[in-house]
N, C-alpha and C. Protein backbone atom coordinates (compact mmCIF):
# COMPACT_ATOMS: atom_id res chain seq x y z
N MET A 1 18.43 3.03 -13.18
CA MET A 1 18.60 3.17 -11.75
C MET A 1 17.23 3.20 -11.07
N SER A 2 17.08 2.44 -9.99
CA SER A 2 15.80 2.32 -9.30
C SER A 2 15.49 3.60 -8.52
N ARG A 3 14.20 3.95 -8.46
CA ARG A 3 13.78 5.10 -7.67
C ARG A 3 13.64 4.72 -6.20
N TYR A 4 13.76 3.39 -5.89
CA TYR A 4 13.65 2.92 -4.52
C TYR A 4 15.02 2.68 -3.91
N PRO A 5 15.15 2.78 -2.58
CA PRO A 5 16.43 2.48 -1.93
C PRO A 5 16.80 1.01 -2.11
N ALA A 6 18.09 0.70 -2.02
CA ALA A 6 18.58 -0.65 -2.28
C ALA A 6 17.93 -1.68 -1.37
N TRP A 7 17.72 -1.34 -0.10
CA TRP A 7 17.15 -2.32 0.83
C TRP A 7 15.73 -2.72 0.45
N LEU A 8 15.04 -1.84 -0.31
CA LEU A 8 13.67 -2.15 -0.69
C LEU A 8 13.60 -3.04 -1.92
N THR A 9 14.62 -2.98 -2.76
CA THR A 9 14.59 -3.73 -4.01
C THR A 9 15.53 -4.93 -4.02
N ASP A 10 16.37 -5.08 -2.98
CA ASP A 10 17.31 -6.20 -2.91
C ASP A 10 16.54 -7.49 -2.65
N ARG A 11 16.55 -8.39 -3.62
CA ARG A 11 15.81 -9.64 -3.48
C ARG A 11 16.71 -10.81 -3.12
N SER A 12 17.98 -10.55 -2.85
CA SER A 12 18.90 -11.62 -2.54
C SER A 12 18.63 -12.25 -1.18
N ALA A 13 17.96 -11.50 -0.29
CA ALA A 13 17.72 -12.00 1.06
C ALA A 13 16.62 -13.07 1.09
N THR A 14 15.73 -13.04 0.13
CA THR A 14 14.65 -14.03 0.10
C THR A 14 14.58 -14.67 -1.26
N ALA A 15 14.19 -15.91 -1.28
CA ALA A 15 14.07 -16.65 -2.54
C ALA A 15 12.64 -17.16 -2.66
N PRO A 16 11.78 -16.43 -3.40
CA PRO A 16 10.38 -16.85 -3.51
C PRO A 16 10.27 -18.18 -4.24
N ALA A 17 9.19 -18.88 -3.97
CA ALA A 17 8.94 -20.16 -4.62
C ALA A 17 8.82 -19.96 -6.13
N GLU A 18 9.18 -20.97 -6.88
CA GLU A 18 9.12 -20.92 -8.34
C GLU A 18 7.71 -20.55 -8.80
N GLY A 19 7.61 -19.54 -9.63
CA GLY A 19 6.31 -19.12 -10.16
C GLY A 19 5.52 -18.21 -9.24
N TYR A 20 6.04 -17.95 -8.04
CA TYR A 20 5.30 -17.13 -7.07
C TYR A 20 5.37 -15.65 -7.43
N GLU A 21 6.49 -15.24 -8.02
CA GLU A 21 6.68 -13.82 -8.31
C GLU A 21 5.95 -13.44 -9.59
N ASP A 22 4.68 -13.07 -9.41
CA ASP A 22 3.79 -12.71 -10.51
C ASP A 22 3.18 -11.35 -10.19
N PRO A 23 3.55 -10.30 -10.94
CA PRO A 23 3.05 -8.95 -10.62
C PRO A 23 1.53 -8.84 -10.56
N GLU A 24 0.83 -9.51 -11.45
CA GLU A 24 -0.64 -9.41 -11.44
C GLU A 24 -1.22 -10.12 -10.21
N ALA A 25 -0.66 -11.27 -9.86
CA ALA A 25 -1.12 -11.98 -8.67
C ALA A 25 -0.84 -11.15 -7.42
N ALA A 26 0.32 -10.48 -7.41
CA ALA A 26 0.67 -9.62 -6.27
C ALA A 26 -0.31 -8.45 -6.16
N ARG A 27 -0.69 -7.87 -7.31
CA ARG A 27 -1.63 -6.75 -7.32
C ARG A 27 -3.00 -7.19 -6.78
N LEU A 28 -3.46 -8.38 -7.21
CA LEU A 28 -4.75 -8.89 -6.74
C LEU A 28 -4.70 -9.22 -5.25
N ALA A 29 -3.56 -9.74 -4.79
CA ALA A 29 -3.42 -10.05 -3.36
C ALA A 29 -3.45 -8.77 -2.54
N LEU A 30 -2.79 -7.72 -3.02
CA LEU A 30 -2.76 -6.45 -2.30
C LEU A 30 -4.15 -5.83 -2.16
N ARG A 31 -5.00 -6.08 -3.14
CA ARG A 31 -6.36 -5.53 -3.10
C ARG A 31 -7.22 -6.20 -2.03
N ARG A 32 -6.72 -7.28 -1.44
CA ARG A 32 -7.45 -7.96 -0.36
C ARG A 32 -7.20 -7.31 0.99
N LEU A 33 -6.39 -6.25 1.04
CA LEU A 33 -6.22 -5.50 2.27
C LEU A 33 -7.42 -4.56 2.41
N ALA A 34 -8.29 -4.86 3.34
CA ALA A 34 -9.46 -4.00 3.57
C ALA A 34 -9.02 -2.70 4.24
N SER A 35 -9.60 -1.59 3.83
CA SER A 35 -9.26 -0.31 4.45
C SER A 35 -10.50 0.57 4.53
N GLY A 36 -10.48 1.49 5.49
CA GLY A 36 -11.58 2.43 5.63
C GLY A 36 -11.62 3.40 4.46
N VAL A 37 -12.82 3.90 4.16
CA VAL A 37 -13.00 4.87 3.08
C VAL A 37 -13.18 6.25 3.71
N THR A 38 -12.44 7.22 3.21
CA THR A 38 -12.51 8.57 3.74
C THR A 38 -12.73 9.58 2.63
N VAL A 39 -13.20 10.75 3.00
CA VAL A 39 -13.18 11.89 2.09
C VAL A 39 -12.30 12.94 2.75
N LEU A 40 -11.21 13.28 2.07
CA LEU A 40 -10.30 14.31 2.55
C LEU A 40 -10.79 15.65 2.00
N THR A 41 -10.85 16.66 2.87
CA THR A 41 -11.34 17.97 2.44
C THR A 41 -10.34 19.07 2.80
N VAL A 42 -10.35 20.12 2.00
CA VAL A 42 -9.43 21.23 2.20
C VAL A 42 -10.10 22.53 1.80
N SER A 43 -9.65 23.62 2.41
CA SER A 43 -10.12 24.95 2.03
C SER A 43 -8.90 25.83 1.88
N ARG A 44 -8.84 26.54 0.76
CA ARG A 44 -7.72 27.44 0.50
C ARG A 44 -8.24 28.67 -0.21
N ASP A 45 -8.05 29.84 0.40
CA ASP A 45 -8.49 31.11 -0.19
C ASP A 45 -9.96 31.09 -0.58
N GLY A 46 -10.78 30.50 0.28
CA GLY A 46 -12.22 30.46 0.04
C GLY A 46 -12.68 29.38 -0.92
N VAL A 47 -11.75 28.60 -1.46
CA VAL A 47 -12.11 27.51 -2.38
C VAL A 47 -12.04 26.19 -1.61
N ARG A 48 -13.11 25.41 -1.68
CA ARG A 48 -13.17 24.13 -0.98
C ARG A 48 -13.09 22.98 -1.97
N HIS A 49 -12.50 21.87 -1.50
CA HIS A 49 -12.35 20.71 -2.38
C HIS A 49 -12.35 19.45 -1.53
N GLY A 50 -12.81 18.35 -2.10
CA GLY A 50 -12.79 17.06 -1.42
C GLY A 50 -12.41 15.95 -2.37
N THR A 51 -11.86 14.87 -1.83
CA THR A 51 -11.51 13.71 -2.64
C THR A 51 -11.64 12.44 -1.81
N THR A 52 -12.14 11.38 -2.43
CA THR A 52 -12.26 10.09 -1.75
C THR A 52 -10.91 9.41 -1.71
N ALA A 53 -10.58 8.84 -0.55
CA ALA A 53 -9.30 8.14 -0.40
C ALA A 53 -9.48 6.93 0.50
N SER A 54 -8.91 5.80 0.09
CA SER A 54 -8.94 4.61 0.94
C SER A 54 -7.55 4.27 1.46
N ALA A 55 -6.54 5.01 1.00
CA ALA A 55 -5.16 4.76 1.45
C ALA A 55 -4.77 5.76 2.53
N VAL A 56 -5.50 5.70 3.66
CA VAL A 56 -5.19 6.54 4.82
C VAL A 56 -4.90 5.61 5.99
N VAL A 57 -3.74 5.78 6.62
CA VAL A 57 -3.32 4.85 7.68
C VAL A 57 -2.78 5.60 8.89
N THR A 58 -2.91 4.97 10.05
CA THR A 58 -2.30 5.48 11.27
C THR A 58 -0.83 5.12 11.26
N LEU A 59 0.05 6.10 11.45
CA LEU A 59 1.49 5.85 11.45
C LEU A 59 2.09 5.94 12.84
N SER A 60 1.50 6.77 13.70
CA SER A 60 2.02 6.94 15.05
C SER A 60 0.88 7.36 15.97
N ARG A 61 0.94 6.90 17.21
CA ARG A 61 -0.07 7.30 18.18
C ARG A 61 0.47 8.29 19.19
N ASP A 62 1.77 8.51 19.20
CA ASP A 62 2.37 9.50 20.11
C ASP A 62 3.62 10.08 19.44
N PRO A 63 3.47 11.18 18.69
CA PRO A 63 2.24 11.97 18.49
C PRO A 63 1.30 11.28 17.52
N LEU A 64 0.08 11.80 17.41
CA LEU A 64 -0.90 11.25 16.49
C LEU A 64 -0.54 11.66 15.06
N VAL A 65 -0.12 10.69 14.26
CA VAL A 65 0.29 10.97 12.87
C VAL A 65 -0.38 9.97 11.95
N LEU A 66 -0.93 10.48 10.85
CA LEU A 66 -1.49 9.60 9.83
C LEU A 66 -0.79 9.85 8.51
N GLY A 67 -0.95 8.91 7.61
CA GLY A 67 -0.41 9.03 6.26
C GLY A 67 -1.53 8.85 5.25
N ALA A 68 -1.46 9.59 4.17
CA ALA A 68 -2.46 9.47 3.10
C ALA A 68 -1.73 9.46 1.77
N CYS A 69 -2.04 8.48 0.92
CA CYS A 69 -1.40 8.39 -0.39
C CYS A 69 -2.25 9.10 -1.43
N LEU A 70 -1.62 10.00 -2.18
CA LEU A 70 -2.32 10.81 -3.16
C LEU A 70 -1.57 10.85 -4.47
N ARG A 71 -2.31 11.02 -5.55
CA ARG A 71 -1.66 11.26 -6.84
C ARG A 71 -1.03 12.65 -6.79
N PRO A 72 0.24 12.77 -7.17
CA PRO A 72 0.92 14.08 -7.08
C PRO A 72 0.23 15.18 -7.87
N THR A 73 -0.48 14.82 -8.95
CA THR A 73 -1.10 15.83 -9.81
C THR A 73 -2.54 16.15 -9.41
N SER A 74 -3.03 15.57 -8.32
CA SER A 74 -4.43 15.79 -7.95
C SER A 74 -4.65 17.22 -7.45
N THR A 75 -5.86 17.71 -7.66
CA THR A 75 -6.23 19.05 -7.17
C THR A 75 -6.08 19.12 -5.66
N PHE A 76 -6.49 18.05 -4.97
CA PHE A 76 -6.40 18.03 -3.51
C PHE A 76 -4.96 18.17 -3.05
N ALA A 77 -4.05 17.40 -3.64
CA ALA A 77 -2.63 17.47 -3.25
C ALA A 77 -2.09 18.87 -3.46
N SER A 78 -2.44 19.48 -4.58
CA SER A 78 -1.96 20.83 -4.88
C SER A 78 -2.46 21.84 -3.85
N MET A 79 -3.74 21.74 -3.48
CA MET A 79 -4.31 22.69 -2.53
C MET A 79 -3.75 22.48 -1.13
N VAL A 80 -3.56 21.24 -0.72
CA VAL A 80 -3.04 20.96 0.62
C VAL A 80 -1.59 21.41 0.76
N ARG A 81 -0.82 21.31 -0.31
CA ARG A 81 0.57 21.78 -0.26
C ARG A 81 0.61 23.27 0.10
N ARG A 82 -0.38 24.02 -0.36
CA ARG A 82 -0.42 25.46 -0.07
C ARG A 82 -1.13 25.77 1.25
N ALA A 83 -2.18 24.99 1.55
CA ALA A 83 -2.97 25.28 2.76
C ALA A 83 -2.28 24.82 4.03
N GLY A 84 -1.59 23.69 3.98
CA GLY A 84 -0.89 23.17 5.16
C GLY A 84 -1.80 22.48 6.16
N ARG A 85 -3.10 22.48 5.91
CA ARG A 85 -4.06 21.84 6.81
C ARG A 85 -5.18 21.21 5.97
N PHE A 86 -5.81 20.19 6.52
CA PHE A 86 -6.94 19.55 5.85
C PHE A 86 -7.73 18.76 6.88
N SER A 87 -8.87 18.22 6.46
CA SER A 87 -9.70 17.41 7.35
C SER A 87 -9.96 16.05 6.73
N VAL A 88 -10.15 15.08 7.61
CA VAL A 88 -10.47 13.71 7.19
C VAL A 88 -11.88 13.39 7.66
N ASN A 89 -12.71 12.95 6.73
CA ASN A 89 -14.06 12.49 7.04
C ASN A 89 -14.08 10.98 6.85
N VAL A 90 -14.19 10.22 7.94
CA VAL A 90 -14.24 8.75 7.87
C VAL A 90 -15.68 8.36 7.61
N LEU A 91 -15.91 7.70 6.47
CA LEU A 91 -17.29 7.43 6.06
C LEU A 91 -17.91 6.25 6.78
N GLY A 92 -19.20 6.41 7.10
CA GLY A 92 -19.98 5.33 7.68
C GLY A 92 -20.51 4.41 6.58
N SER A 93 -21.06 3.28 6.99
CA SER A 93 -21.47 2.23 6.05
C SER A 93 -22.57 2.66 5.08
N ALA A 94 -23.32 3.70 5.41
CA ALA A 94 -24.42 4.14 4.55
C ALA A 94 -24.04 5.30 3.64
N GLN A 95 -22.76 5.66 3.57
CA GLN A 95 -22.35 6.85 2.82
C GLN A 95 -21.70 6.54 1.47
N ASP A 96 -22.18 5.50 0.81
CA ASP A 96 -21.61 5.17 -0.49
C ASP A 96 -21.82 6.28 -1.51
N ASP A 97 -22.93 7.03 -1.39
CA ASP A 97 -23.17 8.14 -2.31
C ASP A 97 -22.12 9.24 -2.12
N VAL A 98 -21.69 9.46 -0.88
CA VAL A 98 -20.65 10.45 -0.60
C VAL A 98 -19.31 9.99 -1.22
N ALA A 99 -18.98 8.72 -0.99
CA ALA A 99 -17.73 8.18 -1.53
C ALA A 99 -17.69 8.29 -3.05
N ARG A 100 -18.81 7.97 -3.69
CA ARG A 100 -18.85 8.00 -5.15
C ARG A 100 -18.77 9.44 -5.68
N ARG A 101 -19.43 10.37 -5.01
CA ARG A 101 -19.39 11.77 -5.47
C ARG A 101 -17.95 12.28 -5.51
N PHE A 102 -17.21 12.07 -4.43
CA PHE A 102 -15.88 12.65 -4.35
C PHE A 102 -14.80 11.80 -5.04
N ALA A 103 -15.22 10.64 -5.57
CA ALA A 103 -14.31 9.83 -6.39
C ALA A 103 -14.53 10.10 -7.88
N ASN A 104 -15.61 10.80 -8.20
CA ASN A 104 -15.98 11.07 -9.60
C ASN A 104 -15.11 12.19 -10.17
N PRO A 105 -14.26 11.89 -11.15
CA PRO A 105 -13.41 12.95 -11.72
C PRO A 105 -14.20 14.04 -12.45
N GLY A 106 -15.45 13.77 -12.79
CA GLY A 106 -16.27 14.75 -13.49
C GLY A 106 -17.11 15.62 -12.57
N ARG A 107 -16.93 15.49 -11.26
CA ARG A 107 -17.73 16.29 -10.32
C ARG A 107 -17.39 17.77 -10.49
N PRO A 108 -18.32 18.65 -10.11
CA PRO A 108 -18.04 20.08 -10.23
C PRO A 108 -16.96 20.52 -9.26
N LEU A 109 -16.39 21.68 -9.50
CA LEU A 109 -15.35 22.20 -8.64
C LEU A 109 -15.94 23.08 -7.54
N GLY A 110 -15.16 23.33 -6.52
CA GLY A 110 -15.57 24.25 -5.46
C GLY A 110 -16.75 23.75 -4.65
N ASP A 111 -17.51 24.69 -4.10
CA ASP A 111 -18.62 24.33 -3.23
C ASP A 111 -19.68 23.49 -3.92
N ALA A 112 -19.75 23.55 -5.25
CA ALA A 112 -20.78 22.80 -5.98
C ALA A 112 -20.66 21.30 -5.75
N GLN A 113 -19.45 20.82 -5.50
CA GLN A 113 -19.28 19.37 -5.29
C GLN A 113 -19.87 18.91 -3.96
N PHE A 114 -20.14 19.86 -3.04
CA PHE A 114 -20.72 19.52 -1.74
C PHE A 114 -22.24 19.68 -1.72
N GLU A 115 -22.82 20.13 -2.84
CA GLU A 115 -24.27 20.35 -2.90
C GLU A 115 -25.02 19.05 -2.66
N GLY A 116 -26.08 19.13 -1.85
CA GLY A 116 -26.88 17.95 -1.55
C GLY A 116 -26.42 17.22 -0.30
N PHE A 117 -25.26 17.60 0.23
CA PHE A 117 -24.74 16.97 1.44
C PHE A 117 -24.72 17.99 2.59
N ASP A 118 -25.04 17.50 3.77
CA ASP A 118 -24.98 18.34 4.97
C ASP A 118 -23.51 18.45 5.39
N TRP A 119 -23.03 19.68 5.58
CA TRP A 119 -21.65 19.84 6.03
C TRP A 119 -21.50 21.12 6.84
N THR A 120 -20.47 21.11 7.68
CA THR A 120 -20.13 22.29 8.47
C THR A 120 -18.64 22.56 8.26
N THR A 121 -18.16 23.66 8.81
CA THR A 121 -16.75 24.02 8.64
C THR A 121 -15.93 23.59 9.85
N ASP A 122 -14.84 22.90 9.59
CA ASP A 122 -13.92 22.49 10.66
C ASP A 122 -13.30 23.76 11.26
N PRO A 123 -13.46 24.02 12.55
CA PRO A 123 -12.91 25.25 13.14
C PRO A 123 -11.39 25.28 13.16
N LEU A 124 -10.74 24.12 13.03
CA LEU A 124 -9.29 24.08 13.06
C LEU A 124 -8.65 24.19 11.68
N THR A 125 -9.34 23.70 10.65
CA THR A 125 -8.74 23.70 9.30
C THR A 125 -9.48 24.56 8.30
N GLY A 126 -10.75 24.89 8.60
CA GLY A 126 -11.56 25.62 7.64
C GLY A 126 -12.15 24.74 6.55
N ALA A 127 -11.84 23.43 6.57
CA ALA A 127 -12.31 22.50 5.54
C ALA A 127 -13.69 21.96 5.91
N PRO A 128 -14.44 21.48 4.91
CA PRO A 128 -15.77 20.93 5.18
C PRO A 128 -15.72 19.64 5.99
N LEU A 129 -16.64 19.52 6.97
CA LEU A 129 -16.87 18.30 7.72
C LEU A 129 -18.22 17.76 7.26
N LEU A 130 -18.23 16.58 6.70
CA LEU A 130 -19.44 16.01 6.11
C LEU A 130 -20.33 15.37 7.17
N GLY A 131 -21.58 15.76 7.19
CA GLY A 131 -22.53 15.20 8.13
C GLY A 131 -22.73 13.72 7.90
N GLY A 132 -22.97 12.98 8.99
CA GLY A 132 -23.19 11.54 8.88
C GLY A 132 -21.94 10.71 8.89
N SER A 133 -20.77 11.36 8.93
CA SER A 133 -19.51 10.62 8.92
C SER A 133 -19.28 9.91 10.25
N LEU A 134 -18.55 8.82 10.19
CA LEU A 134 -18.23 8.03 11.38
C LEU A 134 -17.27 8.80 12.29
N ALA A 135 -16.36 9.57 11.69
CA ALA A 135 -15.41 10.37 12.46
C ALA A 135 -14.90 11.52 11.61
N HIS A 136 -14.43 12.56 12.30
CA HIS A 136 -13.77 13.70 11.64
C HIS A 136 -12.42 13.91 12.32
N MET A 137 -11.42 14.29 11.52
CA MET A 137 -10.11 14.61 12.06
C MET A 137 -9.57 15.87 11.41
N ALA A 138 -9.04 16.77 12.22
CA ALA A 138 -8.34 17.95 11.73
C ALA A 138 -6.86 17.61 11.67
N CYS A 139 -6.20 17.96 10.57
CA CYS A 139 -4.81 17.55 10.37
C CYS A 139 -3.92 18.71 9.94
N ARG A 140 -2.69 18.68 10.44
CA ARG A 140 -1.66 19.66 10.07
C ARG A 140 -0.57 18.93 9.30
N VAL A 141 -0.23 19.41 8.12
CA VAL A 141 0.76 18.75 7.26
C VAL A 141 2.14 18.78 7.90
N LEU A 142 2.78 17.60 7.93
CA LEU A 142 4.15 17.49 8.44
C LEU A 142 5.16 17.35 7.31
N GLY A 143 4.77 16.71 6.22
CA GLY A 143 5.70 16.52 5.12
C GLY A 143 5.15 15.61 4.04
N TRP A 144 5.94 15.45 2.99
CA TRP A 144 5.57 14.63 1.83
C TRP A 144 6.73 13.71 1.48
N HIS A 145 6.42 12.49 1.02
CA HIS A 145 7.44 11.55 0.57
C HIS A 145 6.94 10.85 -0.69
N GLN A 146 7.76 10.82 -1.73
CA GLN A 146 7.36 10.11 -2.94
C GLN A 146 7.51 8.61 -2.70
N VAL A 147 6.45 7.88 -3.01
CA VAL A 147 6.45 6.42 -2.89
C VAL A 147 5.87 5.87 -4.19
N GLY A 148 6.72 5.39 -5.07
CA GLY A 148 6.25 4.87 -6.35
C GLY A 148 5.55 5.95 -7.14
N ASP A 149 4.32 5.64 -7.59
CA ASP A 149 3.57 6.60 -8.42
C ASP A 149 2.67 7.51 -7.59
N HIS A 150 2.80 7.47 -6.25
CA HIS A 150 2.01 8.32 -5.39
C HIS A 150 2.91 9.12 -4.45
N ASP A 151 2.32 10.14 -3.84
CA ASP A 151 3.00 10.89 -2.78
C ASP A 151 2.33 10.55 -1.46
N MET A 152 3.15 10.26 -0.45
CA MET A 152 2.64 10.01 0.90
C MET A 152 2.63 11.32 1.67
N LEU A 153 1.44 11.75 2.05
CA LEU A 153 1.25 12.94 2.86
C LEU A 153 1.28 12.54 4.32
N LEU A 154 2.17 13.13 5.10
CA LEU A 154 2.25 12.86 6.53
C LEU A 154 1.63 14.04 7.27
N ALA A 155 0.77 13.76 8.24
CA ALA A 155 0.07 14.84 8.94
C ALA A 155 -0.18 14.49 10.40
N GLU A 156 -0.10 15.52 11.24
CA GLU A 156 -0.42 15.35 12.64
C GLU A 156 -1.92 15.60 12.83
N VAL A 157 -2.58 14.71 13.56
CA VAL A 157 -4.00 14.87 13.86
C VAL A 157 -4.11 15.78 15.08
N THR A 158 -4.71 16.95 14.90
CA THR A 158 -4.75 17.96 15.97
C THR A 158 -6.12 18.08 16.63
N GLY A 159 -7.13 17.42 16.10
CA GLY A 159 -8.46 17.46 16.69
C GLY A 159 -9.33 16.43 16.03
N GLY A 160 -10.46 16.11 16.66
CA GLY A 160 -11.35 15.14 16.06
C GLY A 160 -12.61 14.91 16.85
N SER A 161 -13.52 14.17 16.24
CA SER A 161 -14.77 13.77 16.87
C SER A 161 -15.21 12.47 16.21
N HIS A 162 -16.08 11.72 16.90
CA HIS A 162 -16.53 10.45 16.32
C HIS A 162 -17.92 10.10 16.83
N THR A 163 -18.56 9.17 16.11
CA THR A 163 -19.84 8.61 16.50
C THR A 163 -19.71 7.09 16.50
N VAL A 164 -20.72 6.40 17.01
CA VAL A 164 -20.72 4.94 17.01
C VAL A 164 -21.53 4.47 15.81
N ASP A 165 -20.88 3.80 14.89
CA ASP A 165 -21.53 3.32 13.67
C ASP A 165 -20.61 2.29 13.03
N SER A 166 -21.04 1.73 11.90
CA SER A 166 -20.21 0.79 11.15
C SER A 166 -19.54 1.53 10.00
N PRO A 167 -18.33 1.10 9.60
CA PRO A 167 -17.59 1.83 8.57
C PRO A 167 -17.90 1.38 7.15
N MET A 168 -17.57 2.25 6.22
CA MET A 168 -17.51 1.90 4.81
C MET A 168 -16.10 1.36 4.58
N LEU A 169 -15.98 0.23 3.86
CA LEU A 169 -14.67 -0.36 3.61
C LEU A 169 -14.41 -0.49 2.12
N SER A 170 -13.13 -0.36 1.76
CA SER A 170 -12.68 -0.65 0.41
C SER A 170 -12.03 -2.03 0.45
N PHE A 171 -12.52 -2.94 -0.41
CA PHE A 171 -12.01 -4.31 -0.42
C PHE A 171 -12.15 -4.88 -1.82
N ALA A 172 -11.06 -5.42 -2.33
CA ALA A 172 -11.04 -6.06 -3.65
C ALA A 172 -11.57 -5.15 -4.75
N GLY A 173 -11.23 -3.85 -4.65
CA GLY A 173 -11.57 -2.91 -5.70
C GLY A 173 -12.97 -2.36 -5.65
N ARG A 174 -13.72 -2.69 -4.59
CA ARG A 174 -15.09 -2.19 -4.46
C ARG A 174 -15.32 -1.65 -3.06
N MET A 175 -16.37 -0.81 -2.92
CA MET A 175 -16.75 -0.33 -1.60
C MET A 175 -17.76 -1.29 -1.00
N HIS A 176 -17.66 -1.48 0.33
CA HIS A 176 -18.54 -2.39 1.03
C HIS A 176 -19.08 -1.72 2.29
N SER A 177 -20.36 -1.88 2.54
CA SER A 177 -20.94 -1.43 3.80
C SER A 177 -20.66 -2.52 4.81
N ALA A 178 -19.88 -2.21 5.83
CA ALA A 178 -19.43 -3.22 6.78
C ALA A 178 -20.31 -3.27 8.01
N CYS A 179 -20.47 -4.46 8.55
CA CYS A 179 -21.09 -4.65 9.86
C CYS A 179 -19.98 -5.23 10.73
N VAL A 180 -19.41 -4.43 11.59
CA VAL A 180 -18.23 -4.82 12.34
C VAL A 180 -18.62 -5.50 13.64
N THR A 181 -18.10 -6.71 13.83
CA THR A 181 -18.33 -7.47 15.05
C THR A 181 -16.98 -7.77 15.68
N PRO A 182 -16.73 -7.32 16.91
CA PRO A 182 -15.43 -7.57 17.54
C PRO A 182 -15.17 -9.07 17.72
N ALA A 183 -13.93 -9.49 17.44
CA ALA A 183 -13.53 -10.86 17.69
C ALA A 183 -13.30 -11.02 19.18
N ALA A 184 -13.76 -12.11 19.76
CA ALA A 184 -13.70 -12.30 21.20
C ALA A 184 -12.28 -12.43 21.75
N SER A 185 -11.39 -13.02 20.97
CA SER A 185 -10.07 -13.33 21.53
C SER A 185 -8.92 -12.54 20.92
N VAL A 186 -9.23 -11.53 20.13
CA VAL A 186 -8.17 -10.77 19.46
C VAL A 186 -8.25 -9.31 19.89
N SER A 187 -7.12 -8.76 20.30
CA SER A 187 -7.08 -7.34 20.63
C SER A 187 -6.14 -6.63 19.67
N VAL A 188 -6.41 -5.37 19.43
CA VAL A 188 -5.59 -4.57 18.52
C VAL A 188 -4.40 -4.01 19.31
N PRO A 189 -3.17 -4.09 18.75
CA PRO A 189 -2.02 -3.52 19.44
C PRO A 189 -2.23 -2.05 19.73
N ALA A 190 -1.68 -1.57 20.85
CA ALA A 190 -1.85 -0.17 21.22
C ALA A 190 -1.14 0.76 20.27
N SER A 191 -0.09 0.31 19.61
CA SER A 191 0.64 1.15 18.67
C SER A 191 1.27 0.26 17.61
N PRO A 192 1.59 0.82 16.43
CA PRO A 192 2.19 0.03 15.36
C PRO A 192 3.47 -0.68 15.81
N SER A 193 4.22 -0.10 16.75
CA SER A 193 5.48 -0.70 17.18
C SER A 193 5.27 -1.98 17.98
N GLU A 194 4.03 -2.22 18.43
CA GLU A 194 3.77 -3.43 19.22
C GLU A 194 3.39 -4.61 18.36
N VAL A 195 3.32 -4.42 17.04
CA VAL A 195 3.03 -5.54 16.16
C VAL A 195 4.28 -6.38 16.04
N VAL A 196 4.21 -7.66 16.37
CA VAL A 196 5.37 -8.55 16.32
C VAL A 196 5.04 -9.73 15.44
N SER A 197 6.09 -10.38 14.93
CA SER A 197 5.88 -11.56 14.10
C SER A 197 6.59 -12.75 14.70
């Protein structure tokens, strides 16, 4: 029995071209979705923790809701389930050392993992805000949903700040320092519901 709802796994509605349905090709194609790199931080009972995440997306703009995909067994997921609040640090193009530190499974625990980095405490969540980040967001947990081998964390963004800089991007399995140039004739929809095909 599938862990997904029938509408998600029903392939009768579409007939892919012969040879098109290749799981490895699909995985490589999915990796071409560029996404911002963030460090999610949390504080619980005086213990602080951070983790690098590139699967953070805007889900709603009214109210402000984001989603973050996490491994269910991660230390961060466990702490956030109890804390109910966390912070998002959106990394700038020069923060590859920050991204690598918090992606390293062998990094020290607690405050030691933040050593060498400038940080302050988020007044809304108590979690570390990393200096030099492109943006910071304070978040309140709304719920969790299992999606395949990850859990989707849904959270309301309750506060934030930002600077003008270029982002760090995850693309094709690697981190990239991006130089963002606006396209002259393309505008971003005001909300996800305005995306049409």
